[in-house]
Amino acid sequence: MSLARTILWLSRPLRPAHSLCRAQFMERKAQKPPSPPAMENGTRSWEERPPADPVATVTEGAAKIVFPSANEVFYNPVQEFNRDLTCAVITEFARIHLGAKGIQIKVPGEKDSEKIAVDLSDQEEETAGKNENLAPGDWPRTAAVGEICEEGLRVLEGLAASGLRSIRFALEVPGLQSVVANDASARAVELMHRNVELNGVAHLVQPNQADARMLMYQHQKAPERFDVIDLDPYGSPAPFLDAAVQAVSDGGLLCVTCTDMAVLAGNSGETCYSKYGAMALKSRACHEMALRIVLHSLDLHANCYQRYIVPLLSISADFYIRVFVRVFTGQAKVKSSARIKFSAACGPPVTPECEHCGQRHQLGGPMWAEPIHDLDFVGRVLDAVTTNPGRFHTSMRIQGVLSVVTEELPDVPLYYTLDQLSSTIHCNTPRLLQLRSALLHAGFRVSLSHACKNAVKTDAPPEALWDIMRCWEKECPVKRERLSESSPAFRILAVEPRLKANFNIREDANPSSRQRGLKRFQANPEANWGPRPRARPGGKAASEDLAGRRRLLQNKRKEPAEDPAQRAARLKTFPCKRFKEGTCQLGDQCCYSHSPAAPVASGDIPIEECPETTTKISPGPKAAAGGIPGPGVD
């Protein structure tokens, strides 16, 4: 088998977020805005402060933000899908969290009757007629968007940059008590204050300047923990994971983004091990492997404090991965983590070489081997987005991705790809429905994967899968005489299949998301779709910085262009070999020197040919022996 088998400083203490938000809100209520003359000697309000640099305005969701044109504060429009999905997930988490306290949330665009009908029990229906006699304070409690909910969620965005995500939480997610928008950059916090006032959410969103790790370490005590922590760093979140698993409440939601996909996808296994405690392998299933490595790293950090994680949703999209997990406390569960994810080997688990292709095995991991999604929770988010498609700009993509997630086999880690299977044995690639039908006819389960368009996730053992590919090769024969006897293709095809594959298309081979034509794998909507350059104080605009970097790296491995006059003068320092032999007929037009005592520049050997000559200059005997003589030196 040629596939790699995986053996598997804050300057002062920060008060609790809800206390600060409420104190700030009450102070704004009590104090009237200062008059313009008074402001001349005091602090100017954020709305009236003239921007020092040109600013750009961005509207996303219900939020409107301004940020400098210079790349001082990070903003990437590519991750709108990430922010939309996060708002949808936190909304459903708030529905579950507050529903246990008897509080119903009101989401703009949702029909109230649908959500109320789900929560009514038989006993409540019998007493529903008595509600007319209840006092106003006894009616069922509700939480709406933009309002402070006394028993609501306390949210922390550890790396907020412009504050867009936190502002969207305040404007789009109901049931919030407070939102702390933190960033270590003073310029970013200044911009957050301005955007918070611009959107009128100062009663909910509190900008804060601190190191995200120190801020979370200061909220380790249970009463001060956050219900939701969102981490979306530039690059790896590894430095923040230890603090995050301690600062989130019991049963709280932890949302983590990783954009260092080159490390997680196997390009640098040792770096991946140093950051996440696991070796990543280069394979077609690298994106799901990256998800499982991050989940394992999160659980490993949580286990140090008698805590463990429960994945709700794990997504690979564009150039990043995003995981949503709940963190619980429980010593017994922590002890069982070792048996769930990986176990200590009692001997060589496999032979040194693969029994199918004869190639060496590669050792990767450890990684999370349990389901990476909670399908019940994913179904709730999918239903909410489907019934209210106008809530998010990327609703169609959210529906497509979550639909594929619900179709994935939850108990099958990783996957194969069509092109990988066919290229291994050098045969034509079968259609997706043909391979899926053959697996279904053979009695195996099969599904797609949201992480790869051509993925085949199946519980079929490798020998059965290769038998199906051998049967396919018989229908589309490979020229065996062109195969090397040591190649994986030769060794795999040398074995006769024991299983007779049936490639007739089955109706259940085409998944529902594919039949409905959902937007499952989005094409890049614009050029340079991907990560943006890191924000720098006083940095250039993103477009200028990108263009300058391109110019800097253009032809970086080639020698810079030489001035023609300098090149001609340099070549004149070398004697002409043909002049010495009496065969050069170019005279003064020859690019080399015809002077018998022409000096030779040591260590500078021209490799160019005389532009006027057509015969290639051959090196002398010493050149073949490792010497470095100039042209014409015998």
Foldseek 3Di string as FASTA:
>chain_A
DPAFDAPAADPDFDDFQLVVLQVQVVVPVVDDDDDVVVCVPPPDALVPDDDPADWDWDDFFPFIAIDHLFQFFDDDPLCSVVLVLVLLLVQLVQCVVCVVVQEAEDFPQDDPVVVVVVSDDPVCVVCVVVCVVDDPVPPGHYWYAQDADPPFFEEEELAQGLVPSVLCCRHGHTRHHAYEYEHQDPSSLSNNSSRCVVSVNSSHYDYDHDNSLNNLQSQLDQVRAGQEYEYDDDADPLVRLLSNLRRHHAQGKYKYKHLNLCQQQQVPQVVLCVRQVKGHHNDPLSQLSSQFSNQVSNQVSNLVVQKGWDWADWDDADRMIMTMITIHHHNVVSVCPCVQQHHDDPDPPDDQADPQQRHGHDYIDNTGQAFNHDLVSLVVSLVVCVSRVVSGPCSLQSNLASLLVNFDDRRFGTWHFQVVLCVLQVWDGDDQQQLLVQCVVVPWDWGAHLNDDRTITIPDDPLQSLLQVLLVCVVTPDDLVPDDCNGSNNRNNVDHRPDHTDRPGDPVSQDPSVVVVGCRHDDDPDPPSDDFDRNDVVHGRRVVVVVVVCVVPPPVVDDDDDDPVVVLVLQQLFAAQCLVVVNDPCPPLWSYHNDPPRHHDPPDEDCDDTPVDDDHQDDDPVVVVVDDDHGNDD
